Amino acid sequence: MQKQTFIQGTVILIIAGLLTRGLGFINRIVTANILGAEGVGLYMMAFPALLLIITLTQLGLPVAISKFIAEADSRHDKEKMKQILVVSISVTGVLSIIFTALLMGLAPILSGYFLTDERALYPLLAITPIIPIVAISAVLRGYFQGRQNMKPPAIAQVLEQIVRITFVFICTNLLLPYGLEFAAAGAMIASVIGEMASLLYMAQTFKQTKPMKMRAAFFRTLRQGKRTFRELMEIALPSTGSRLIGSISLFFEPIIIAQSLALAGVSTAVATAQYGVLSGFVIPILTLPTFITYSFSVTLVPTVSEAALNNKYDVIQHRLRQTLRTAIVAGSFSALFLYFFAEHVMTVIYNAPETAYYLKILSLFSLFLYVQGPLQAVLQGLNLARQAMTNTLIGAMIKMIALFMLTSQPELGIEGAALAIAINMVLVTLLHFYVITKAVGFIFEGKFIFLTIIAGFISMMSTYLFVTTVLLNTSLLLTTIFSALLSGSLYMLLLSMFGVFPWDQIKRILPTNRL
């Protein structure tokens, strides 16, 4: 099996992430144009319940699989790798069947009593078949990541989006005449088909490259895998705790927002539309740069795990600093661009300039979100998943309280929900950073952060003044593209002048270079 270095694997995932996010935006634009804000609200109301069930099904195993496969691969222990896969597939397979049936049974109650919009029933039912598909895909993805072969998961991501875009257009248009709720269900069906295509590709790739025979003595390997099961659970359960808390938080988020908006005097249809704007329009744009930090996070877990096993804490600090610098450079540009050009972005993508205000609120705090993923990955690699879980729990509890207190205020409404989400971003990131600092003695340079933000602010301010005074008669799409190119060029130039990102460092991230 082809194995990549840390940087090579990260670059592969970044390229795939860029393609996936780009295709994902096309998918969201198509969905938004067909369904509108209210339809997107129905679509997004079903997702938190799905994410909660998937979290319970996976039990945090993908991270544990990646960690232990990496360790077994370094020892060339094929039997151990087989045990890890057999145990993981068995556990996730059984749980996925149980929770799929559970979600189908509880869907009418969730839609009618908790989400306050009975139309959410159809998207909930349509998405349930995706649970076993995602469960098995996660096991294979963890296997490839543990063996530091990022190409199959990367290609699978792109394939999934291409198939989803194709079928979201077909399914939503076919079902729209029957009602908005059926069209939203059609978008969910497209997601199921896309995930199935992704799973089939990874399964075929695994079949061609696997170093062991999986079906031979499958049940005997399963019976002998009790120790492997315990080892996986030691990592998986605390990791699940962290993800479970986040999933429970997301599960209750639309419920609390819907109920709070009702207390504020907002009707059901308007509340659904407002939630669709926040969760379906604003949040996806805000999280766009996370494909970069996610790529580093995926490769960080096995790398940090291997370094910690050999007590190479200097390697951990180097990789963490490398990752956080990239996250801050990309995140600062994104946060400032979305703040200065919020109306341009929301108008071009969704034709909804009135939603730019929510994007501006969250963009001010988004830098904390962009560095949160790598910090959590390091905690998992250092076997500090319990501390990550505690931090996530604290953040979730504060967010739930803030959601109710702020969103139920008539003068705030959905703006209160945006503020509560921002509070969660900041709090969890600071708690993660505090734990890592205590564990490995990591100190990040304040000068680097300051110069990066200054470079971004000067670039955005200069570009904004130019386009608002010179390009008044240019189309909004061309103005937005030009603004991104000009501000990006100025940003990179200033970073180089300030010594933050010297040009000779660019060569170090090329896949052909080995560190």
Protein backbone atom coordinates (compact mmCIF):
# COMPACT_ATOMS: atom_id res chain seq x y z
CA MET A 1 0.00 0.00 0.00
CA GLN A 2 1.26 3.45 -0.90
CA LYS A 3 2.11 5.48 2.19
CA GLN A 4 2.52 9.25 2.35
CA THR A 5 4.47 11.49 4.69
CA PHE A 6 2.63 13.79 7.10
CA ILE A 7 2.75 16.75 4.71
CA GLN A 8 1.99 14.69 1.60
CA GLY A 9 -1.04 13.11 3.24
CA THR A 10 -2.21 16.49 4.46
CA VAL A 11 -1.84 18.09 1.02
CA ILE A 12 -3.83 15.25 -0.56
CA LEU A 13 -6.65 15.77 1.94
CA ILE A 14 -6.50 19.56 1.49
CA ILE A 15 -6.87 19.21 -2.29
CA ALA A 16 -9.71 16.73 -1.84
CA GLY A 17 -11.25 18.99 0.81
CA LEU A 18 -11.07 21.97 -1.52
CA LEU A 19 -12.78 20.01 -4.29
CA THR A 20 -15.33 18.59 -1.85
CA ARG A 21 -16.17 21.99 -0.37
CA GLY A 22 -16.42 23.51 -3.83
CA LEU A 23 -18.76 20.75 -4.97
CA GLY A 24 -20.59 20.99 -1.65
CA PHE A 25 -21.27 24.67 -2.30
CA ILE A 26 -22.67 23.82 -5.71
CA ASN A 27 -24.89 21.29 -3.99
CA ARG A 28 -26.05 23.85 -1.41
CA ILE A 29 -26.70 26.48 -4.06
CA VAL A 30 -28.80 24.02 -6.05
CA THR A 31 -30.65 22.92 -2.91
CA ALA A 32 -31.23 26.49 -1.71
CA ASN A 33 -32.53 27.62 -5.11
CA ILE A 34 -34.98 24.72 -5.28
CA LEU A 35 -36.08 24.54 -1.64
CA GLY A 36 -35.66 28.13 -0.42
CA ALA A 37 -34.90 29.07 3.21
CA GLU A 38 -37.92 27.21 4.60
CA GLY A 39 -37.12 24.01 2.70
CA VAL A 40 -33.47 24.19 3.77
CA GLY A 41 -34.75 24.62 7.33
CA LEU A 42 -36.67 21.33 7.07
CA TYR A 43 -33.59 19.69 5.56
CA MET A 44 -31.29 20.96 8.33
CA MET A 45 -33.73 20.08 11.15
CA ALA A 46 -33.31 16.40 10.30
CA PHE A 47 -29.52 16.43 10.29
CA PRO A 48 -28.81 16.85 14.04
CA ALA A 49 -30.83 13.72 14.86
CA LEU A 50 -28.91 11.83 12.18
CA LEU A 51 -25.54 13.02 13.49
CA LEU A 52 -26.47 11.94 17.02
CA ILE A 53 -27.40 8.44 15.83
CA ILE A 54 -24.22 8.15 13.73
CA THR A 55 -22.11 9.20 16.73
CA LEU A 56 -23.73 6.51 18.87
CA THR A 57 -23.24 3.96 16.08
CA GLN A 58 -19.56 4.71 15.46
CA LEU A 59 -18.69 4.87 19.19
CA GLY A 60 -15.68 7.03 18.36
CA LEU A 61 -14.04 4.05 16.65
CA PRO A 62 -12.61 5.88 13.58
CA VAL A 63 -10.08 7.77 15.74
CA ALA A 64 -9.19 4.62 17.70
CA ILE A 65 -8.88 2.59 14.48
CA SER A 66 -6.53 5.17 12.98
CA LYS A 67 -4.37 5.18 16.11
CA PHE A 68 -4.06 1.39 16.57
CA ILE A 69 -3.75 0.58 12.87
CA ALA A 70 -0.82 3.04 12.75
CA GLU A 71 0.84 1.29 15.69
CA ALA A 72 0.19 -2.22 14.31
CA ASP A 73 1.42 -1.19 10.86
CA SER A 74 4.68 0.12 12.34
CA ARG A 75 5.21 -3.37 13.83
CA HIS A 76 4.04 -5.11 10.60
CA ASP A 77 1.45 -6.96 12.71
CA LYS A 78 -1.14 -8.01 10.12
CA GLU A 79 -3.09 -10.19 12.54
CA LYS A 80 -3.58 -7.24 14.88
CA MET A 81 -4.80 -5.08 12.00
CA LYS A 82 -7.32 -7.77 11.06
CA GLN A 83 -8.57 -7.98 14.65
CA ILE A 84 -9.04 -4.23 14.76
CA LEU A 85 -11.10 -4.25 11.56
CA VAL A 86 -13.16 -7.34 12.44
CA VAL A 87 -14.09 -6.01 15.87
CA SER A 88 -14.84 -2.52 14.55
CA ILE A 89 -17.02 -3.69 11.66
CA SER A 90 -18.94 -6.05 13.93
CA VAL A 91 -19.64 -3.40 16.56
CA THR A 92 -20.65 -0.65 14.13
CA GLY A 93 -22.69 -3.07 12.00
CA VAL A 94 -24.85 -4.25 14.90
CA LEU A 95 -25.29 -0.77 16.34
CA SER A 96 -26.22 0.72 12.98
CA ILE A 97 -29.09 -1.76 12.55
CA ILE A 98 -30.40 -1.03 16.05
CA PHE A 99 -30.23 2.75 15.75
CA THR A 100 -31.64 2.83 12.22
CA ALA A 101 -34.76 1.08 13.49
CA LEU A 102 -34.84 3.39 16.53
CA LEU A 103 -34.70 6.57 14.44
CA MET A 104 -37.44 5.35 12.13
CA GLY A 105 -39.65 4.62 15.13
CA LEU A 106 -39.01 7.94 16.88
CA ALA A 107 -39.17 10.16 13.78
CA PRO A 108 -42.89 11.06 14.17
CA ILE A 109 -42.36 12.10 17.80
CA LEU A 110 -39.24 14.13 17.02
CA SER A 111 -40.86 16.04 14.17
CA GLY A 112 -44.24 16.62 15.78
CA TYR A 113 -43.39 17.45 19.38
CA PHE A 114 -39.78 18.59 19.58
CA LEU A 115 -39.03 20.30 16.26
CA THR A 116 -42.52 21.89 16.22
CA ASP A 117 -42.78 21.25 12.47
CA GLU A 118 -44.41 17.95 11.46
CA ARG A 119 -43.09 18.32 7.92
CA ALA A 120 -39.60 17.38 9.19
CA LEU A 121 -40.85 13.76 9.41
CA TYR A 122 -40.20 13.03 5.72
CA PRO A 123 -36.53 14.18 5.66
CA LEU A 124 -35.95 12.19 8.87
CA LEU A 125 -37.31 8.99 7.34
CA ALA A 126 -35.49 9.54 4.05
CA ILE A 127 -32.07 9.88 5.68
CA THR A 128 -32.20 6.78 7.95
CA PRO A 129 -30.68 4.33 5.40
CA ILE A 130 -27.47 6.34 5.48
CA ILE A 131 -26.63 5.19 9.03
CA PRO A 132 -25.15 1.71 8.28
CA ILE A 133 -23.46 3.09 5.15
CA VAL A 134 -21.64 5.84 7.07
CA ALA A 135 -20.79 3.41 9.89
CA ILE A 136 -18.91 0.99 7.61
CA SER A 137 -17.34 3.85 5.65
CA ALA A 138 -15.94 5.29 8.88
CA VAL A 139 -14.18 2.01 9.68
CA LEU A 140 -12.54 1.87 6.26
CA ARG A 141 -11.61 5.55 6.44
CA GLY A 142 -9.96 5.00 9.83
CA TYR A 143 -8.03 2.04 8.39
CA PHE A 144 -6.64 4.03 5.45
CA GLN A 145 -5.78 7.00 7.69
CA GLY A 146 -4.01 4.74 10.17
CA ARG A 147 -1.88 3.33 7.35
CA GLN A 148 -1.23 6.93 6.27
CA ASN A 149 -2.72 6.39 2.83
CA MET A 150 -4.98 9.41 2.39
CA LYS A 151 -5.79 8.95 -1.30
CA PRO A 152 -8.75 6.51 -1.00
CA PRO A 153 -10.64 8.62 1.60
CA ALA A 154 -9.86 11.76 -0.41
CA ILE A 155 -11.14 10.32 -3.70
CA ALA A 156 -14.19 8.91 -1.91
CA GLN A 157 -15.07 12.38 -0.59
CA VAL A 158 -14.98 13.89 -4.06
CA LEU A 159 -16.94 11.00 -5.57
CA GLU A 160 -19.61 11.30 -2.89
CA GLN A 161 -20.15 14.99 -3.65
CA ILE A 162 -20.32 14.48 -7.42
CA VAL A 163 -22.95 11.75 -7.06
CA ARG A 164 -24.88 13.79 -4.48
CA ILE A 165 -25.03 16.90 -6.69
CA THR A 166 -26.31 14.83 -9.60
CA PHE A 167 -29.06 13.18 -7.61
CA VAL A 168 -30.04 16.20 -5.48
CA PHE A 169 -31.08 18.00 -8.66
CA ILE A 170 -33.01 14.96 -9.92
CA CYS A 171 -34.68 13.94 -6.64
CA THR A 172 -35.69 17.39 -5.41
CA ASN A 173 -37.23 18.39 -8.75
CA LEU A 174 -39.10 15.09 -9.02
CA LEU A 175 -40.58 15.41 -5.53
CA LEU A 176 -41.14 19.18 -5.32
CA PRO A 177 -44.62 19.01 -6.92
CA TYR A 178 -45.75 16.87 -3.98
CA GLY A 179 -44.72 19.48 -1.41
CA LEU A 180 -41.70 21.19 0.16
CA GLU A 181 -41.28 18.45 2.76
CA PHE A 182 -41.02 15.78 0.02
CA ALA A 183 -38.47 17.86 -1.88
CA ALA A 184 -36.38 18.12 1.33
CA ALA A 185 -36.66 14.34 1.64
CA GLY A 186 -35.39 14.09 -1.95
CA ALA A 187 -32.26 16.02 -0.96
CA MET A 188 -31.73 13.49 1.83
CA ILE A 189 -32.14 10.58 -0.58
CA ALA A 190 -29.41 12.13 -2.75
CA SER A 191 -27.13 12.17 0.31
CA VAL A 192 -27.77 8.45 0.87
CA ILE A 193 -26.90 7.62 -2.76
CA GLY A 194 -23.73 9.73 -2.56
CA GLU A 195 -22.54 8.01 0.62
CA MET A 196 -23.23 4.61 -0.93
CA ALA A 197 -21.04 5.47 -3.94
CA SER A 198 -18.27 6.56 -1.56
CA LEU A 199 -18.51 3.32 0.44
CA LEU A 200 -18.43 1.14 -2.69
CA TYR A 201 -15.26 2.88 -3.89
CA MET A 202 -13.43 2.51 -0.55
CA ALA A 203 -14.55 -1.11 -0.22
CA GLN A 204 -13.20 -1.93 -3.67
CA THR A 205 -9.91 -0.14 -2.93
CA PHE A 206 -9.59 -1.99 0.37
CA LYS A 207 -10.25 -5.31 -1.35
CA GLN A 208 -7.44 -4.64 -3.85
CA THR A 209 -4.84 -3.46 -1.29
CA LYS A 210 -5.61 -5.31 1.95
CA PRO A 211 -2.60 -7.18 3.44
CA MET A 212 -4.78 -9.88 5.02
CA LYS A 213 -7.79 -12.08 4.20
CA MET A 214 -10.81 -10.68 6.04
CA ARG A 215 -13.37 -13.46 5.52
CA ALA A 216 -10.99 -16.27 6.51
CA ALA A 217 -11.68 -17.24 10.15
CA PHE A 218 -13.74 -14.06 10.62
CA PHE A 219 -15.72 -15.28 13.64
CA ARG A 220 -12.69 -16.92 15.25
CA THR A 221 -10.83 -13.63 14.96
CA LEU A 222 -13.84 -11.87 16.47
CA ARG A 223 -13.92 -14.24 19.46
CA GLN A 224 -10.18 -13.71 20.01
CA GLY A 225 -10.54 -9.94 19.78
CA LYS A 226 -11.65 -9.24 23.36
CA ARG A 227 -8.39 -7.51 24.25
CA THR A 228 -8.48 -5.53 21.00
CA PHE A 229 -12.07 -4.51 21.80
CA ARG A 230 -11.01 -3.21 25.23
CA GLU A 231 -8.08 -1.31 23.72
CA LEU A 232 -10.32 0.28 21.11
CA MET A 233 -12.89 1.25 23.73
CA GLU A 234 -10.26 2.91 25.93
CA ILE A 235 -9.71 5.43 23.16
CA ALA A 236 -13.08 5.28 21.44
CA LEU A 237 -15.40 5.82 24.41
CA PRO A 238 -13.79 9.06 25.67
CA SER A 239 -13.61 10.20 22.04
CA THR A 240 -17.26 9.22 21.65
CA GLY A 241 -18.05 11.16 24.79
CA SER A 242 -16.62 14.28 23.19
CA ARG A 243 -18.42 13.71 19.87
CA LEU A 244 -21.58 12.58 21.64
CA ILE A 245 -21.72 15.78 23.64
CA GLY A 246 -21.29 17.77 20.44
CA SER A 247 -23.95 15.68 18.68
CA ILE A 248 -26.40 15.99 21.58
CA SER A 249 -25.77 19.72 21.56
CA LEU A 250 -26.52 19.86 17.82
CA PHE A 251 -29.56 17.62 18.34
CA PHE A 252 -31.07 19.99 20.88
CA GLU A 253 -30.00 23.10 18.98
CA PRO A 254 -32.93 23.22 16.51
CA ILE A 255 -35.32 22.19 19.29
CA ILE A 256 -34.19 24.97 21.63
CA ILE A 257 -34.07 27.51 18.80
CA ALA A 258 -37.57 26.58 17.57
CA GLN A 259 -39.05 26.68 21.08
CA SER A 260 -37.21 29.90 21.98
CA LEU A 261 -38.32 31.64 18.80
CA ALA A 262 -41.87 30.57 19.60
CA LEU A 263 -41.51 32.24 23.02
CA ALA A 264 -40.26 35.34 21.21
CA GLY A 265 -43.46 35.37 19.16
CA VAL A 266 -42.10 33.94 15.89
CA SER A 267 -44.41 31.65 13.89
CA THR A 268 -43.46 28.04 13.03
CA ALA A 269 -42.90 28.67 9.32
CA VAL A 270 -40.78 31.78 9.97
CA ALA A 271 -38.78 29.98 12.68
CA THR A 272 -38.06 27.11 10.27
CA ALA A 273 -36.90 29.58 7.62
CA GLN A 274 -34.69 31.49 10.09
CA TYR A 275 -33.10 28.27 11.28
CA GLY A 276 -32.55 27.32 7.64
CA VAL A 277 -30.75 30.62 7.03
CA LEU A 278 -28.46 30.20 10.04
CA SER A 279 -27.67 26.49 9.75
CA GLY A 280 -28.04 26.00 6.00
CA PHE A 281 -26.72 29.30 4.60
CA VAL A 282 -24.38 30.97 7.11
CA ILE A 283 -22.69 28.07 8.95
CA PRO A 284 -21.56 26.21 5.76
CA ILE A 285 -19.84 29.36 4.46
CA LEU A 286 -18.26 30.00 7.84
CA THR A 287 -16.85 26.47 8.04
CA LEU A 288 -15.39 26.50 4.52
CA PRO A 289 -11.72 26.89 5.64
CA THR A 290 -12.05 23.95 8.04
CA PHE A 291 -11.27 21.55 5.20
CA ILE A 292 -7.64 22.69 5.61
CA THR A 293 -7.55 22.25 9.37
CA TYR A 294 -9.53 18.99 9.12
CA SER A 295 -6.91 17.62 6.73
CA PHE A 296 -4.17 18.39 9.22
CA SER A 297 -6.28 16.98 12.06
CA VAL A 298 -6.73 13.64 10.30
CA THR A 299 -2.99 13.21 9.77
CA LEU A 300 -2.15 14.57 13.22
CA VAL A 301 -3.79 11.71 15.16
CA PRO A 302 -1.53 8.87 13.94
CA THR A 303 1.52 11.16 13.77
CA VAL A 304 1.11 12.48 17.32
CA SER A 305 0.25 8.99 18.57
CA GLU A 306 3.45 7.53 17.10
CA ALA A 307 5.55 10.45 18.41
CA ALA A 308 4.05 10.17 21.91
CA LEU A 309 4.71 6.41 21.90
CA ASN A 310 8.40 7.17 21.29
CA ASN A 311 8.44 10.19 23.69
CA LYS A 312 9.26 12.57 20.83
CA TYR A 313 7.50 15.61 22.23
CA ASP A 314 9.57 17.93 20.07
CA VAL A 315 7.92 16.32 17.02
CA ILE A 316 4.49 16.88 18.56
CA GLN A 317 5.24 20.55 19.20
CA HIS A 318 6.62 20.97 15.69
CA ARG A 319 3.56 19.41 14.04
CA LEU A 320 1.17 21.35 16.23
CA ARG A 321 2.91 24.65 15.53
CA GLN A 322 2.98 23.81 11.82
CA THR A 323 -0.74 23.03 11.83
CA LEU A 324 -1.82 26.02 13.91
CA ARG A 325 0.19 28.42 11.76
CA THR A 326 -1.57 27.11 8.67
CA ALA A 327 -4.96 27.32 10.41
CA ILE A 328 -4.36 30.90 11.54
CA VAL A 329 -3.10 32.05 8.13
CA ALA A 330 -6.08 30.52 6.32
CA GLY A 331 -8.55 31.33 9.10
CA SER A 332 -7.60 34.99 9.44
CA PHE A 333 -8.03 35.56 5.73
CA SER A 334 -11.40 33.80 5.70
CA ALA A 335 -12.72 35.52 8.84
CA LEU A 336 -11.81 39.01 7.65
CA PHE A 337 -12.96 38.43 4.07
CA LEU A 338 -16.35 37.16 5.24
CA TYR A 339 -16.71 40.17 7.54
CA PHE A 340 -15.83 42.82 4.95
CA PHE A 341 -17.61 41.15 2.02
CA ALA A 342 -20.50 39.40 3.78
CA GLU A 343 -23.18 41.02 1.63
CA HIS A 344 -21.32 40.21 -1.57
CA VAL A 345 -20.91 36.55 -0.59
CA MET A 346 -24.49 35.98 0.59
CA THR A 347 -25.94 37.73 -2.47
CA VAL A 348 -23.80 35.87 -5.00
CA ILE A 349 -24.32 32.43 -3.47
CA TYR A 350 -27.87 32.57 -2.10
CA ASN A 351 -29.29 35.88 -3.37
CA ALA A 352 -29.98 36.68 0.29
CA PRO A 353 -28.14 39.90 1.26
CA GLU A 354 -30.37 40.27 4.34
CA THR A 355 -28.59 37.26 5.91
CA ALA A 356 -25.14 38.94 5.75
CA TYR A 357 -25.56 40.32 9.27
CA TYR A 358 -25.50 36.82 10.81
CA LEU A 359 -22.37 35.98 8.83
CA LYS A 360 -20.67 39.13 10.11
CA ILE A 361 -21.47 38.23 13.73
CA LEU A 362 -19.99 34.73 13.48
CA SER A 363 -17.02 35.67 11.28
CA LEU A 364 -15.62 37.80 14.12
CA PHE A 365 -15.17 34.65 16.23
CA SER A 366 -14.52 32.09 13.50
CA LEU A 367 -10.73 32.00 13.94
CA PHE A 368 -11.29 30.08 17.18
CA LEU A 369 -13.28 27.49 15.22
CA TYR A 370 -10.52 27.04 12.65
CA VAL A 371 -7.88 26.09 15.24
CA GLN A 372 -10.22 23.96 17.36
CA GLY A 373 -10.00 20.83 15.16
CA PRO A 374 -6.19 20.46 15.24
CA LEU A 375 -6.16 21.05 18.99
CA GLN A 376 -8.70 18.27 19.53
CA ALA A 377 -6.74 15.93 17.24
CA VAL A 378 -3.60 16.45 19.33
CA LEU A 379 -5.54 15.73 22.52
CA GLN A 380 -6.76 12.45 21.02
CA GLY A 381 -3.27 11.52 19.84
CA LEU A 382 -1.93 12.17 23.36
CA ASN A 383 -4.62 9.94 24.94
CA LEU A 384 -6.23 13.04 26.46
CA ALA A 385 -9.65 12.33 24.96
CA ARG A 386 -11.27 12.60 28.41
CA GLN A 387 -10.05 16.16 28.81
CA ALA A 388 -11.33 16.97 25.31
CA MET A 389 -14.69 15.48 26.29
CA THR A 390 -14.83 17.61 29.44
CA ASN A 391 -14.04 20.76 27.47
CA THR A 392 -16.72 19.92 24.91
CA LEU A 393 -19.25 19.27 27.70
CA ILE A 394 -18.56 22.62 29.33
CA GLY A 395 -18.89 24.40 25.99
CA ALA A 396 -22.11 22.55 25.12
CA MET A 397 -23.74 23.36 28.45
CA ILE A 398 -22.88 27.04 28.17
CA LYS A 399 -24.13 27.09 24.56
CA MET A 400 -27.48 25.49 25.46
CA ILE A 401 -28.05 28.00 28.25
CA ALA A 402 -27.04 30.91 26.01
CA LEU A 403 -29.26 29.64 23.19
CA PHE A 404 -32.35 29.70 25.36
CA MET A 405 -31.57 32.94 27.17
CA LEU A 406 -30.60 34.93 24.05
CA THR A 407 -32.86 33.47 21.35
CA SER A 408 -36.01 33.81 23.45
CA GLN A 409 -35.45 37.57 23.69
CA PRO A 410 -37.76 39.26 21.13
CA GLU A 411 -35.17 41.97 20.41
CA LEU A 412 -32.54 39.33 19.51
CA GLY A 413 -34.35 36.29 18.14
CA ILE A 414 -32.17 34.28 15.75
CA GLU A 415 -29.28 36.72 16.34
CA GLY A 416 -29.13 35.32 19.87
CA ALA A 417 -28.56 31.85 18.43
CA ALA A 418 -25.61 33.18 16.40
CA LEU A 419 -24.10 34.73 19.53
CA ALA A 420 -24.53 31.49 21.49
CA ILE A 421 -22.70 29.54 18.77
CA ALA A 422 -19.88 32.12 18.86
CA ILE A 423 -19.55 31.74 22.64
CA ASN A 424 -19.15 27.98 22.20
CA MET A 425 -16.42 28.41 19.55
CA VAL A 426 -14.31 30.62 21.79
CA LEU A 427 -14.75 28.71 25.04
CA VAL A 428 -13.98 25.18 23.78
CA THR A 429 -10.92 26.32 21.81
CA LEU A 430 -9.41 28.13 24.79
CA LEU A 431 -10.01 25.11 27.05
CA HIS A 432 -8.34 22.76 24.52
CA PHE A 433 -5.35 25.07 24.21
CA TYR A 434 -4.98 25.24 28.00
CA VAL A 435 -4.90 21.42 28.34
CA ILE A 436 -2.34 21.00 25.54
CA THR A 437 -0.11 23.72 27.02
CA LYS A 438 -0.04 21.83 30.32
CA ALA A 439 0.58 18.47 28.62
CA VAL A 440 3.42 19.27 26.19
CA GLY A 441 4.52 22.74 27.24
CA PHE A 442 3.40 24.29 23.99
CA ILE A 443 3.61 28.07 23.65
CA PHE A 444 2.38 29.78 20.50
CA GLU A 445 3.96 33.02 19.29
CA GLY A 446 1.74 36.03 19.87
CA LYS A 447 3.76 38.00 17.36
CA PHE A 448 2.81 35.57 14.60
CA ILE A 449 -0.91 35.93 15.35
CA PHE A 450 -0.69 39.73 15.57
CA LEU A 451 1.20 40.15 12.27
CA THR A 452 -1.12 37.71 10.48
CA ILE A 453 -4.26 39.56 11.59
CA ILE A 454 -2.71 42.95 10.73
CA ALA A 455 -1.79 41.69 7.25
CA GLY A 456 -5.32 40.42 6.77
CA PHE A 457 -6.95 43.64 7.99
CA ILE A 458 -4.80 45.86 5.73
CA SER A 459 -5.49 43.59 2.74
CA MET A 460 -9.25 43.53 3.29
CA MET A 461 -9.60 47.23 4.06
CA SER A 462 -7.57 48.21 0.98
CA THR A 463 -9.55 45.86 -1.27
CA TYR A 464 -12.91 46.96 0.16
CA LEU A 465 -12.13 50.64 -0.38
CA PHE A 466 -10.97 49.94 -3.92
CA VAL A 467 -13.99 47.91 -5.05
CA THR A 468 -16.53 50.23 -3.39
CA THR A 469 -15.07 53.32 -5.06
CA VAL A 470 -13.76 52.03 -8.42
CA LEU A 471 -15.81 48.94 -9.34
CA LEU A 472 -19.25 50.42 -8.76
CA ASN A 473 -20.68 49.38 -12.14
CA THR A 474 -19.15 45.90 -12.25
CA SER A 475 -21.32 42.80 -11.74
CA LEU A 476 -21.42 41.53 -8.16
CA LEU A 477 -20.05 38.11 -9.09
CA LEU A 478 -17.00 39.56 -10.83
CA THR A 479 -16.51 42.07 -8.00
CA THR A 480 -16.54 39.28 -5.41
CA ILE A 481 -14.10 37.11 -7.38
CA PHE A 482 -11.80 40.07 -7.99
CA SER A 483 -11.98 41.03 -4.29
CA ALA A 484 -10.95 37.52 -3.25
CA LEU A 485 -8.03 37.45 -5.71
CA LEU A 486 -6.81 40.97 -4.90
CA SER A 487 -7.12 40.64 -1.12
CA GLY A 488 -5.50 37.18 -1.26
CA SER A 489 -2.54 38.50 -3.26
CA LEU A 490 -2.08 41.47 -0.95
CA TYR A 491 -2.37 39.18 2.05
CA MET A 492 0.35 36.79 0.86
CA LEU A 493 2.58 39.72 -0.09
CA LEU A 494 2.23 41.31 3.35
CA LEU A 495 2.78 37.98 5.13
CA SER A 496 6.02 37.58 3.17
CA MET A 497 7.09 41.17 3.93
CA PHE A 498 6.36 40.69 7.65
CA GLY A 499 8.34 37.43 7.65
CA VAL A 500 5.29 35.44 8.70
CA PHE A 501 5.15 33.21 5.63
CA PRO A 502 8.42 33.32 3.65
CA TRP A 503 8.17 32.15 0.06
CA ASP A 504 10.77 29.43 0.55
CA GLN A 505 8.38 27.70 2.95
CA ILE A 506 5.84 27.13 0.18
CA LYS A 507 8.09 24.44 -1.30
CA ARG A 508 7.87 22.47 1.94
CA ILE A 509 4.17 21.72 1.47
CA LEU A 510 4.54 20.25 -2.01
CA PRO A 511 3.74 16.51 -2.15
CA THR A 512 7.05 15.76 -3.90
CA ASN A 513 9.04 16.93 -0.89
CA ARG A 514 9.67 14.55 1.98
CA LEU A 515 10.19 15.87 5.46
